Amino acid sequence: MVSSRLFATAALMSLLAGCTWVKMAPGASAVRVYSSAPSQCEKRAEVEVSVKQNLYVYYRNAVKVREELETLARNEAPGLGGNAISPVNEPTGGVQNWAVWRCPGN
């Protein structure tokens, strides 16, 4: 009985860890992502985004966490008048800062 509950809990945690909880907002798909500060662009803002990195003792896939942080930053850009983003720092503990840019021609 205990082992079946443990198995069910482990299975659920595995499924949840692979899930993407963050969805792309309308307009965010047009936001470009740069690896560093783009030239000839006006900096509009800096945002801090965060997601759950772990579920109790289970740590989520680092690639999924990075993808979700990027999506959250892209979701923020249109509301701040931006059409591009670039990371300010590396993700730490499921938190990352992004610069929001307004670039000509995007």
PDB file of N, CA and C in Angstrom:
ATOM      1  N   MET A   1       0.817  -1.191   0.000  1.00  0.00           N
ATOM      2  CA  MET A   1       0.000   0.000   0.000  1.00  0.00           C
ATOM      3  C   MET A   1       0.868   1.265   0.000  1.00  0.00           C
ATOM      4  N   VAL A   2       1.859   1.304   0.873  1.00  0.00           N
ATOM      5  CA  VAL A   2       2.744   2.462   0.960  1.00  0.00           C
ATOM      6  C   VAL A   2       3.557   2.605  -0.320  1.00  0.00           C
ATOM      7  N   SER A   3       4.041   1.493  -0.860  1.00  0.00           N
ATOM      8  CA  SER A   3       4.850   1.567  -2.074  1.00  0.00           C
ATOM      9  C   SER A   3       4.026   2.041  -3.267  1.00  0.00           C
ATOM     10  N   SER A   4       2.748   1.690  -3.339  1.00  0.00           N
ATOM     11  CA  SER A   4       1.922   2.157  -4.458  1.00  0.00           C
ATOM     12  C   SER A   4       1.676   3.666  -4.350  1.00  0.00           C
ATOM     13  N   ARG A   5       1.520   4.194  -3.133  1.00  0.00           N
ATOM     14  CA  ARG A   5       1.364   5.635  -2.961  1.00  0.00           C
ATOM     15  C   ARG A   5       2.653   6.357  -3.313  1.00  0.00           C
ATOM     16  N   LEU A   6       3.760   5.793  -2.913  1.00  0.00           N
ATOM     17  CA  LEU A   6       5.052   6.375  -3.225  1.00  0.00           C
ATOM     18  C   LEU A   6       5.267   6.399  -4.734  1.00  0.00           C
ATOM     19  N   PHE A   7       4.927   5.312  -5.405  1.00  0.00           N
ATOM     20  CA  PHE A   7       5.046   5.240  -6.857  1.00  0.00           C
ATOM     21  C   PHE A   7       4.145   6.281  -7.519  1.00  0.00           C
ATOM     22  N   ALA A   8       2.906   6.399  -7.060  1.00  0.00           N
ATOM     23  CA  ALA A   8       1.969   7.367  -7.635  1.00  0.00           C
ATOM     24  C   ALA A   8       2.475   8.794  -7.453  1.00  0.00           C
ATOM     25  N   THR A   9       3.020   9.091  -6.293  1.00  0.00           N
ATOM     26  CA  THR A   9       3.569  10.416  -6.027  1.00  0.00           C
ATOM     27  C   THR A   9       4.763  10.695  -6.929  1.00  0.00           C
ATOM     28  N   ALA A  10       5.645   9.727  -7.077  1.00  0.00           N
ATOM     29  CA  ALA A  10       6.818   9.889  -7.940  1.00  0.00           C
ATOM     30  C   ALA A  10       6.402  10.077  -9.392  1.00  0.00           C
ATOM     31  N   ALA A  11       5.405   9.334  -9.829  1.00  0.00           N
ATOM     32  CA  ALA A  11       4.927   9.455 -11.210  1.00  0.00           C
ATOM     33  C   ALA A  11       4.331  10.839 -11.455  1.00  0.00           C
ATOM     34  N   LEU A  12       3.540  11.318 -10.520  1.00  0.00           N
ATOM     35  CA  LEU A  12       2.939  12.644 -10.643  1.00  0.00           C
ATOM     36  C   LEU A  12       4.008  13.729 -10.673  1.00  0.00           C
ATOM     37  N   MET A  13       4.992  13.637  -9.815  1.00  0.00           N
ATOM     38  CA  MET A  13       6.080  14.615  -9.796  1.00  0.00           C
ATOM     39  C   MET A  13       6.832  14.622 -11.117  1.00  0.00           C
ATOM     40  N   SER A  14       7.057  13.454 -11.690  1.00  0.00           N
ATOM     41  CA  SER A  14       7.763  13.362 -12.968  1.00  0.00           C
ATOM     42  C   SER A  14       6.964  14.024 -14.076  1.00  0.00           C
ATOM     43  N   LEU A  15       5.674  13.799 -14.084  1.00  0.00           N
ATOM     44  CA  LEU A  15       4.822  14.414 -15.097  1.00  0.00           C
ATOM     45  C   LEU A  15       4.791  15.929 -14.947  1.00  0.00           C
ATOM     46  N   LEU A  16       4.654  16.413 -13.737  1.00  0.00           N
ATOM     47  CA  LEU A  16       4.599  17.844 -13.505  1.00  0.00           C
ATOM     48  C   LEU A  16       5.912  18.529 -13.843  1.00  0.00           C
ATOM     49  N   ALA A  17       7.009  17.863 -13.611  1.00  0.00           N
ATOM     50  CA  ALA A  17       8.320  18.454 -13.867  1.00  0.00           C
ATOM     51  C   ALA A  17       8.542  18.713 -15.344  1.00  0.00           C
ATOM     52  N   GLY A  18       7.939  17.923 -16.202  1.00  0.00           N
ATOM     53  CA  GLY A  18       8.100  18.097 -17.633  1.00  0.00           C
ATOM     54  C   GLY A  18       7.107  19.060 -18.240  1.00  0.00           C
ATOM     55  N   CYS A  19       6.122  19.503 -17.476  1.00  0.00           N
ATOM     56  CA  CYS A  19       5.081  20.382 -17.982  1.00  0.00           C
ATOM     57  C   CYS A  19       5.596  21.811 -18.150  1.00  0.00           C
ATOM     58  N   THR A  20       5.052  22.480 -19.149  1.00  0.00           N
ATOM     59  CA  THR A  20       5.296  23.899 -19.314  1.00  0.00           C
ATOM     60  C   THR A  20       4.071  24.614 -18.808  1.00  0.00           C
ATOM     61  N   TRP A  21       4.241  25.395 -17.768  1.00  0.00           N
ATOM     62  CA  TRP A  21       3.115  26.087 -17.161  1.00  0.00           C
ATOM     63  C   TRP A  21       2.922  27.488 -17.735  1.00  0.00           C
ATOM     64  N   VAL A  22       3.943  28.044 -18.339  1.00  0.00           N
ATOM     65  CA  VAL A  22       3.892  29.413 -18.830  1.00  0.00           C
ATOM     66  C   VAL A  22       3.508  29.399 -20.307  1.00  0.00           C
ATOM     67  N   LYS A  23       2.459  30.130 -20.620  1.00  0.00           N
ATOM     68  CA  LYS A  23       1.986  30.228 -22.002  1.00  0.00           C
ATOM     69  C   LYS A  23       2.351  31.588 -22.572  1.00  0.00           C
ATOM     70  N   MET A  24       2.561  31.636 -23.887  1.00  0.00           N
ATOM     71  CA  MET A  24       2.894  32.870 -24.585  1.00  0.00           C
ATOM     72  C   MET A  24       1.654  33.760 -24.656  1.00  0.00           C
ATOM     73  N   ALA A  25       1.799  35.017 -24.249  1.00  0.00           N
ATOM     74  CA  ALA A  25       0.708  35.989 -24.278  1.00  0.00           C
ATOM     75  C   ALA A  25       0.560  36.552 -25.696  1.00  0.00           C
ATOM     76  N   PRO A  26      -0.620  37.084 -26.012  1.00  0.00           N
ATOM     77  CA  PRO A  26      -0.799  37.717 -27.320  1.00  0.00           C
ATOM     78  C   PRO A  26       0.221  38.837 -27.524  1.00  0.00           C
ATOM     79  N   GLY A  27       0.843  38.861 -28.672  1.00  0.00           N
ATOM     80  CA  GLY A  27       1.853  39.871 -28.993  1.00  0.00           C
ATOM     81  C   GLY A  27       3.256  39.491 -28.584  1.00  0.00           C
ATOM     82  N   ALA A  28       3.402  38.559 -27.686  1.00  0.00           N
ATOM     83  CA  ALA A  28       4.731  38.192 -27.193  1.00  0.00           C
ATOM     84  C   ALA A  28       5.532  37.390 -28.218  1.00  0.00           C
ATOM     85  N   SER A  29       4.854  36.711 -29.121  1.00  0.00           N
ATOM     86  CA  SER A  29       5.574  35.908 -30.121  1.00  0.00           C
ATOM     87  C   SER A  29       6.366  36.787 -31.091  1.00  0.00           C
ATOM     88  N   ALA A  30       6.001  38.072 -31.197  1.00  0.00           N
ATOM     89  CA  ALA A  30       6.725  38.990 -32.081  1.00  0.00           C
ATOM     90  C   ALA A  30       7.954  39.596 -31.410  1.00  0.00           C
ATOM     91  N   VAL A  31       8.132  39.369 -30.124  1.00  0.00           N
ATOM     92  CA  VAL A  31       9.269  39.930 -29.379  1.00  0.00           C
ATOM     93  C   VAL A  31      10.515  39.121 -29.698  1.00  0.00           C
ATOM     94  N   ARG A  32      11.551  39.812 -30.139  1.00  0.00           N
ATOM     95  CA  ARG A  32      12.815  39.149 -30.472  1.00  0.00           C
ATOM     96  C   ARG A  32      13.640  38.941 -29.202  1.00  0.00           C
ATOM     97  N   VAL A  33      14.444  37.894 -29.218  1.00  0.00           N
ATOM     98  CA  VAL A  33      15.294  37.576 -28.069  1.00  0.00           C
ATOM     99  C   VAL A  33      16.760  37.684 -28.512  1.00  0.00           C
ATOM    100  N   TYR A  34      17.503  38.546 -27.831  1.00  0.00           N
ATOM    101  CA  TYR A  34      18.928  38.725 -28.109  1.00  0.00           C
ATOM    102  C   TYR A  34      19.732  38.146 -26.956  1.00  0.00           C
ATOM    103  N   SER A  35      20.919  37.656 -27.261  1.00  0.00           N
ATOM    104  CA  SER A  35      21.769  37.081 -26.208  1.00  0.00           C
ATOM    105  C   SER A  35      22.505  38.159 -25.414  1.00  0.00           C
ATOM    106  N   SER A  36      22.617  39.357 -25.989  1.00  0.00           N
ATOM    107  CA  SER A  36      23.234  40.487 -25.291  1.00  0.00           C
ATOM    108  C   SER A  36      22.517  41.764 -25.729  1.00  0.00           C
ATOM    109  N   ALA A  37      22.893  42.881 -25.137  1.00  0.00           N
ATOM    110  CA  ALA A  37      22.230  44.150 -25.440  1.00  0.00           C
ATOM    111  C   ALA A  37      22.346  44.481 -26.929  1.00  0.00           C
ATOM    112  N   PRO A  38      21.223  44.667 -27.609  1.00  0.00           N
ATOM    113  CA  PRO A  38      21.275  44.973 -29.036  1.00  0.00           C
ATOM    114  C   PRO A  38      21.689  46.424 -29.273  1.00  0.00           C
ATOM    115  N   SER A  39      22.417  46.661 -30.353  1.00  0.00           N
ATOM    116  CA  SER A  39      22.834  48.028 -30.679  1.00  0.00           C
ATOM    117  C   SER A  39      21.681  48.743 -31.377  1.00  0.00           C
ATOM    118  N   GLN A  40      21.694  50.038 -31.325  1.00  0.00           N
ATOM    119  CA  GLN A  40      20.697  50.907 -31.955  1.00  0.00           C
ATOM    120  C   GLN A  40      19.281  50.654 -31.450  1.00  0.00           C
ATOM    121  N   CYS A  41      19.165  50.248 -30.208  1.00  0.00           N
ATOM    122  CA  CYS A  41      17.864  50.029 -29.593  1.00  0.00           C
ATOM    123  C   CYS A  41      17.768  50.885 -28.332  1.00  0.00           C
ATOM    124  N   GLU A  42      16.562  51.291 -28.000  1.00  0.00           N
ATOM    125  CA  GLU A  42      16.316  52.090 -26.810  1.00  0.00           C
ATOM    126  C   GLU A  42      15.873  51.167 -25.675  1.00  0.00           C
ATOM    127  N   LYS A  43      16.576  51.257 -24.552  1.00  0.00           N
ATOM    128  CA  LYS A  43      16.192  50.442 -23.399  1.00  0.00           C
ATOM    129  C   LYS A  43      14.936  51.031 -22.778  1.00  0.00           C
ATOM    130  N   ARG A  44      13.905  50.194 -22.645  1.00  0.00           N
ATOM    131  CA  ARG A  44      12.627  50.647 -22.102  1.00  0.00           C
ATOM    132  C   ARG A  44      12.481  50.339 -20.615  1.00  0.00           C
ATOM    133  N   ALA A  45      12.983  49.189 -20.198  1.00  0.00           N
ATOM    134  CA  ALA A  45      12.798  48.779 -18.807  1.00  0.00           C
ATOM    135  C   ALA A  45      13.666  47.572 -18.519  1.00  0.00           C
ATOM    136  N   GLU A  46      13.653  47.190 -17.267  1.00  0.00           N
ATOM    137  CA  GLU A  46      14.266  45.929 -16.837  1.00  0.00           C
ATOM    138  C   GLU A  46      13.229  45.213 -15.989  1.00  0.00           C
ATOM    139  N   VAL A  47      13.035  43.922 -16.257  1.00  0.00           N
ATOM    140  CA  VAL A  47      12.034  43.148 -15.521  1.00  0.00           C
ATOM    141  C   VAL A  47      12.687  41.950 -14.849  1.00  0.00           C
ATOM    142  N   GLU A  48      12.114  41.561 -13.731  1.00  0.00           N
ATOM    143  CA  GLU A  48      12.539  40.341 -13.044  1.00  0.00           C
ATOM    144  C   GLU A  48      11.388  39.349 -13.163  1.00  0.00           C
ATOM    145  N   VAL A  49      11.702  38.167 -13.672  1.00  0.00           N
ATOM    146  CA  VAL A  49      10.686  37.124 -13.819  1.00  0.00           C
ATOM    147  C   VAL A  49      11.115  35.907 -13.010  1.00  0.00           C
ATOM    148  N   SER A  50      10.130  35.109 -12.595  1.00  0.00           N
ATOM    149  CA  SER A  50      10.467  33.933 -11.795  1.00  0.00           C
ATOM    150  C   SER A  50       9.478  32.806 -12.040  1.00  0.00           C
ATOM    151  N   VAL A  51       9.968  31.585 -11.893  1.00  0.00           N
ATOM    152  CA  VAL A  51       9.161  30.365 -11.993  1.00  0.00           C
ATOM    153  C   VAL A  51       9.614  29.411 -10.895  1.00  0.00           C
ATOM    154  N   LYS A  52       8.820  28.402 -10.655  1.00  0.00           N
ATOM    155  CA  LYS A  52       9.202  27.367  -9.695  1.00  0.00           C
ATOM    156  C   LYS A  52      10.334  26.540 -10.291  1.00  0.00           C
ATOM    157  N   GLN A  53      11.420  26.449  -9.562  1.00  0.00           N
ATOM    158  CA  GLN A  53      12.559  25.641 -10.014  1.00  0.00           C
ATOM    159  C   GLN A  53      12.461  24.219  -9.493  1.00  0.00           C
ATOM    160  N   ASN A  54      11.802  24.060  -8.359  1.00  0.00           N
ATOM    161  CA  ASN A  54      11.694  22.721  -7.795  1.00  0.00           C
ATOM    162  C   ASN A  54      10.293  22.490  -7.245  1.00  0.00           C
ATOM    163  N   LEU A  55       9.925  21.232  -7.199  1.00  0.00           N
ATOM    164  CA  LEU A  55       8.661  20.786  -6.616  1.00  0.00           C
ATOM    165  C   LEU A  55       9.027  19.925  -5.430  1.00  0.00           C
ATOM    166  N   TYR A  56       8.988  20.539  -4.277  1.00  0.00           N
ATOM    167  CA  TYR A  56       9.422  19.883  -3.041  1.00  0.00           C
ATOM    168  C   TYR A  56      10.882  19.460  -3.184  1.00  0.00           C
ATOM    169  N   VAL A  57      11.165  18.185  -3.302  1.00  0.00           N
ATOM    170  CA  VAL A  57      12.561  17.738  -3.395  1.00  0.00           C
ATOM    171  C   VAL A  57      12.976  17.444  -4.836  1.00  0.00           C
ATOM    172  N   TYR A  58      12.060  17.585  -5.778  1.00  0.00           N
ATOM    173  CA  TYR A  58      12.359  17.294  -7.178  1.00  0.00           C
ATOM    174  C   TYR A  58      12.669  18.587  -7.922  1.00  0.00           C
ATOM    175  N   TYR A  59      13.863  18.671  -8.528  1.00  0.00           N
ATOM    176  CA  TYR A  59      14.249  19.851  -9.286  1.00  0.00           C
ATOM    177  C   TYR A  59      13.828  19.695 -10.740  1.00  0.00           C
ATOM    178  N   ARG A  60      13.219  20.745 -11.273  1.00  0.00           N
ATOM    179  CA  ARG A  60      12.740  20.733 -12.653  1.00  0.00           C
ATOM    180  C   ARG A  60      13.905  20.810 -13.624  1.00  0.00           C
ATOM    181  N   ASN A  61      13.652  20.413 -14.847  1.00  0.00           N
ATOM    182  CA  ASN A  61      14.629  20.461 -15.924  1.00  0.00           C
ATOM    183  C   ASN A  61      15.085  21.911 -16.123  1.00  0.00           C
ATOM    184  N   ALA A  62      16.389  22.146 -16.100  1.00  0.00           N
ATOM    185  CA  ALA A  62      16.942  23.500 -16.210  1.00  0.00           C
ATOM    186  C   ALA A  62      16.586  24.163 -17.538  1.00  0.00           C
ATOM    187  N   VAL A  63      16.500  23.385 -18.607  1.00  0.00           N
ATOM    188  CA  VAL A  63      16.139  23.936 -19.916  1.00  0.00           C
ATOM    189  C   VAL A  63      14.699  24.450 -19.889  1.00  0.00           C
ATOM    190  N   LYS A  64      13.789  23.684 -19.278  1.00  0.00           N
ATOM    191  CA  LYS A  64      12.390  24.112 -19.154  1.00  0.00           C
ATOM    192  C   LYS A  64      12.294  25.402 -18.339  1.00  0.00           C
ATOM    193  N   VAL A  65      13.043  25.470 -17.263  1.00  0.00           N
ATOM    194  CA  VAL A  65      13.026  26.667 -16.419  1.00  0.00           C
ATOM    195  C   VAL A  65      13.487  27.871 -17.235  1.00  0.00           C
ATOM    196  N   ARG A  66      14.585  27.728 -17.981  1.00  0.00           N
ATOM    197  CA  ARG A  66      15.096  28.825 -18.825  1.00  0.00           C
ATOM    198  C   ARG A  66      14.065  29.243 -19.873  1.00  0.00           C
ATOM    199  N   GLU A  67      13.426  28.266 -20.522  1.00  0.00           N
ATOM    200  CA  GLU A  67      12.418  28.566 -21.540  1.00  0.00           C
ATOM    201  C   GLU A  67      11.251  29.347 -20.942  1.00  0.00           C
ATOM    202  N   GLU A  68      10.822  28.949 -19.765  1.00  0.00           N
ATOM    203  CA  GLU A  68       9.699  29.629 -19.126  1.00  0.00           C
ATOM    204  C   GLU A  68      10.076  31.043 -18.687  1.00  0.00           C
ATOM    205  N   LEU A  69      11.293  31.236 -18.208  1.00  0.00           N
ATOM    206  CA  LEU A  69      11.750  32.575 -17.839  1.00  0.00           C
ATOM    207  C   LEU A  69      11.784  33.482 -19.072  1.00  0.00           C
ATOM    208  N   GLU A  70      12.260  32.960 -20.187  1.00  0.00           N
ATOM    209  CA  GLU A  70      12.287  33.733 -21.430  1.00  0.00           C
ATOM    210  C   GLU A  70      10.869  34.081 -21.877  1.00  0.00           C
ATOM    211  N   THR A  71       9.961  33.122 -21.810  1.00  0.00           N
ATOM    212  CA  THR A  71       8.578  33.366 -22.207  1.00  0.00           C
ATOM    213  C   THR A  71       7.946  34.443 -21.334  1.00  0.00           C
ATOM    214  N   LEU A  72       8.179  34.383 -20.036  1.00  0.00           N
ATOM    215  CA  LEU A  72       7.639  35.408 -19.138  1.00  0.00           C
ATOM    216  C   LEU A  72       8.185  36.797 -19.493  1.00  0.00           C
ATOM    217  N   ALA A  73       9.464  36.882 -19.800  1.00  0.00           N
ATOM    218  CA  ALA A  73      10.056  38.164 -20.184  1.00  0.00           C
ATOM    219  C   ALA A  73       9.457  38.658 -21.498  1.00  0.00           C
ATOM    220  N   ARG A  74       9.264  37.759 -22.442  1.00  0.00           N
ATOM    221  CA  ARG A  74       8.629  38.137 -23.715  1.00  0.00           C
ATOM    222  C   ARG A  74       7.201  38.614 -23.487  1.00  0.00           C
ATOM    223  N   ASN A  75       6.503  37.986 -22.560  1.00  0.00           N
ATOM    224  CA  ASN A  75       5.135  38.396 -22.248  1.00  0.00           C
ATOM    225  C   ASN A  75       5.081  39.816 -21.689  1.00  0.00           C
ATOM    226  N   GLU A  76       6.110  40.218 -20.951  1.00  0.00           N
ATOM    227  CA  GLU A  76       6.154  41.544 -20.328  1.00  0.00           C
ATOM    228  C   GLU A  76       6.487  42.651 -21.328  1.00  0.00           C
ATOM    229  N   ALA A  77       7.275  42.350 -22.345  1.00  0.00           N
ATOM    230  CA  ALA A  77       7.810  43.374 -23.251  1.00  0.00           C
ATOM    231  C   ALA A  77       6.755  44.245 -23.938  1.00  0.00           C
ATOM    232  N   PRO A  78       5.723  43.702 -24.564  1.00  0.00           N
ATOM    233  CA  PRO A  78       4.765  44.567 -25.257  1.00  0.00           C
ATOM    234  C   PRO A  78       4.097  45.597 -24.335  1.00  0.00           C
ATOM    235  N   GLY A  79       3.792  45.225 -23.129  1.00  0.00           N
ATOM    236  CA  GLY A  79       3.167  46.145 -22.182  1.00  0.00           C
ATOM    237  C   GLY A  79       4.082  47.280 -21.748  1.00  0.00           C
ATOM    238  N   LEU A  80       5.378  47.108 -21.949  1.00  0.00           N
ATOM    239  CA  LEU A  80       6.362  48.130 -21.593  1.00  0.00           C
ATOM    240  C   LEU A  80       6.856  48.892 -22.824  1.00  0.00           C
ATOM    241  N   GLY A  81       6.205  48.665 -23.960  1.00  0.00           N
ATOM    242  CA  GLY A  81       6.586  49.345 -25.193  1.00  0.00           C
ATOM    243  C   GLY A  81       7.802  48.750 -25.862  1.00  0.00           C
ATOM    244  N   GLY A  82       8.143  47.521 -25.512  1.00  0.00           N
ATOM    245  CA  GLY A  82       9.323  46.880 -26.091  1.00  0.00           C
ATOM    246  C   GLY A  82       8.980  45.866 -27.158  1.00  0.00           C
ATOM    247  N   ASN A  83       9.949  45.606 -28.029  1.00  0.00           N
ATOM    248  CA  ASN A  83       9.784  44.576 -29.054  1.00  0.00           C
ATOM    249  C   ASN A  83      10.982  43.625 -29.087  1.00  0.00           C
ATOM    250  N   ALA A  84      11.835  43.721 -28.053  1.00  0.00           N
ATOM    251  CA  ALA A  84      13.002  42.841 -27.953  1.00  0.00           C
ATOM    252  C   ALA A  84      13.397  42.733 -26.474  1.00  0.00           C
ATOM    253  N   ILE A  85      14.060  41.635 -26.152  1.00  0.00           N
ATOM    254  CA  ILE A  85      14.564  41.428 -24.792  1.00  0.00           C
ATOM    255  C   ILE A  85      15.966  40.843 -24.868  1.00  0.00           C
ATOM    256  N   SER A  86      16.712  41.029 -23.784  1.00  0.00           N
ATOM    257  CA  SER A  86      18.015  40.381 -23.640  1.00  0.00           C
ATOM    258  C   SER A  86      18.229  40.091 -22.160  1.00  0.00           C
ATOM    259  N   PRO A  87      18.886  38.968 -21.841  1.00  0.00           N
ATOM    260  CA  PRO A  87      19.112  38.645 -20.430  1.00  0.00           C
ATOM    261  C   PRO A  87      20.123  39.597 -19.800  1.00  0.00           C
ATOM    262  N   VAL A  88      19.852  39.976 -18.565  1.00  0.00           N
ATOM    263  CA  VAL A  88      20.779  40.815 -17.804  1.00  0.00           C
ATOM    264  C   VAL A  88      21.730  39.920 -17.014  1.00  0.00           C
ATOM    265  N   ASN A  89      21.223  38.784 -16.564  1.00  0.00           N
ATOM    266  CA  ASN A  89      22.029  37.845 -15.787  1.00  0.00           C
ATOM    267  C   ASN A  89      21.567  36.418 -16.063  1.00  0.00           C
ATOM    268  N   GLU A  90      22.286  35.485 -15.500  1.00  0.00           N
ATOM    269  CA  GLU A  90      21.919  34.072 -15.617  1.00  0.00           C
ATOM    270  C   GLU A  90      20.816  33.764 -14.605  1.00  0.00           C
ATOM    271  N   PRO A  91      19.961  32.785 -14.907  1.00  0.00           N
ATOM    272  CA  PRO A  91      18.937  32.411 -13.934  1.00  0.00           C
ATOM    273  C   PRO A  91      19.553  31.815 -12.669  1.00  0.00           C
ATOM    274  N   THR A  92      18.997  32.211 -11.535  1.00  0.00           N
ATOM    275  CA  THR A  92      19.431  31.686 -10.249  1.00  0.00           C
ATOM    276  C   THR A  92      18.197  31.398  -9.408  1.00  0.00           C
ATOM    277  N   GLY A  93      18.023  30.147  -9.043  1.00  0.00           N
ATOM    278  CA  GLY A  93      16.893  29.780  -8.202  1.00  0.00           C
ATOM    279  C   GLY A  93      15.545  30.030  -8.846  1.00  0.00           C
ATOM    280  N   GLY A  94      15.481  29.982 -10.182  1.00  0.00           N
ATOM    281  CA  GLY A  94      14.223  30.213 -10.883  1.00  0.00           C
ATOM    282  C   GLY A  94      13.891  31.680 -11.088  1.00  0.00           C
ATOM    283  N   VAL A  95      14.878  32.574 -10.894  1.00  0.00           N
ATOM    284  CA  VAL A  95      14.687  34.018 -11.056  1.00  0.00           C
ATOM    285  C   VAL A  95      15.713  34.538 -12.056  1.00  0.00           C
ATOM    286  N   GLN A  96      15.273  35.471 -12.925  1.00  0.00           N
ATOM    287  CA  GLN A  96      16.198  36.065 -13.898  1.00  0.00           C
ATOM    288  C   GLN A  96      15.732  37.474 -14.248  1.00  0.00           C
ATOM    289  N   ASN A  97      16.697  38.379 -14.468  1.00  0.00           N
ATOM    290  CA  ASN A  97      16.405  39.743 -14.910  1.00  0.00           C
ATOM    291  C   ASN A  97      16.623  39.844 -16.415  1.00  0.00           C
ATOM    292  N   TRP A  98      15.737  40.601 -17.060  1.00  0.00           N
ATOM    293  CA  TRP A  98      15.793  40.815 -18.506  1.00  0.00           C
ATOM    294  C   TRP A  98      15.670  42.300 -18.811  1.00  0.00           C
ATOM    295  N   ALA A  99      16.392  42.762 -19.823  1.00  0.00           N
ATOM    296  CA  ALA A  99      16.242  44.126 -20.322  1.00  0.00           C
ATOM    297  C   ALA A  99      15.209  44.090 -21.438  1.00  0.00           C
ATOM    298  N   VAL A 100      14.341  45.097 -21.457  1.00  0.00           N
ATOM    299  CA  VAL A 100      13.330  45.227 -22.492  1.00  0.00           C
ATOM    300  C   VAL A 100      13.749  46.384 -23.392  1.00  0.00           C
ATOM    301  N   TRP A 101      13.754  46.132 -24.697  1.00  0.00           N
ATOM    302  CA  TRP A 101      14.257  47.094 -25.686  1.00  0.00           C
ATOM    303  C   TRP A 101      13.195  47.444 -26.705  1.00  0.00           C
ATOM    304  N   ARG A 102      13.294  48.655 -27.260  1.00  0.00           N
ATOM    305  CA  ARG A 102      12.490  49.070 -28.412  1.00  0.00           C
ATOM    306  C   ARG A 102      13.492  49.245 -29.545  1.00  0.00           C
ATOM    307  N   CYS A 103      13.399  48.368 -30.539  1.00  0.00           N
ATOM    308  CA  CYS A 103      14.351  48.382 -31.659  1.00  0.00           C
ATOM    309  C   CYS A 103      13.634  48.768 -32.940  1.00  0.00           C
ATOM    310  N   PRO A 104      14.290  49.582 -33.775  1.00  0.00           N
ATOM    311  CA  PRO A 104      13.685  49.937 -35.054  1.00  0.00           C
ATOM    312  C   PRO A 104      13.655  48.720 -35.988  1.00  0.00           C
ATOM    313  N   GLY A 105      12.628  48.627 -36.767  1.00  0.00           N
ATOM    314  CA  GLY A 105      12.554  47.560 -37.759  1.00  0.00           C
ATOM    315  C   GLY A 105      12.130  46.203 -37.236  1.00  0.00           C
ATOM    316  N   ASN A 106      11.797  46.067 -35.982  1.00  0.00           N
ATOM    317  CA  ASN A 106      11.342  44.778 -35.442  1.00  0.00           C
ATOM    318  C   ASN A 106       9.858  44.660 -35.556  1.00  0.00           C
TER     319      ASN A 106
END
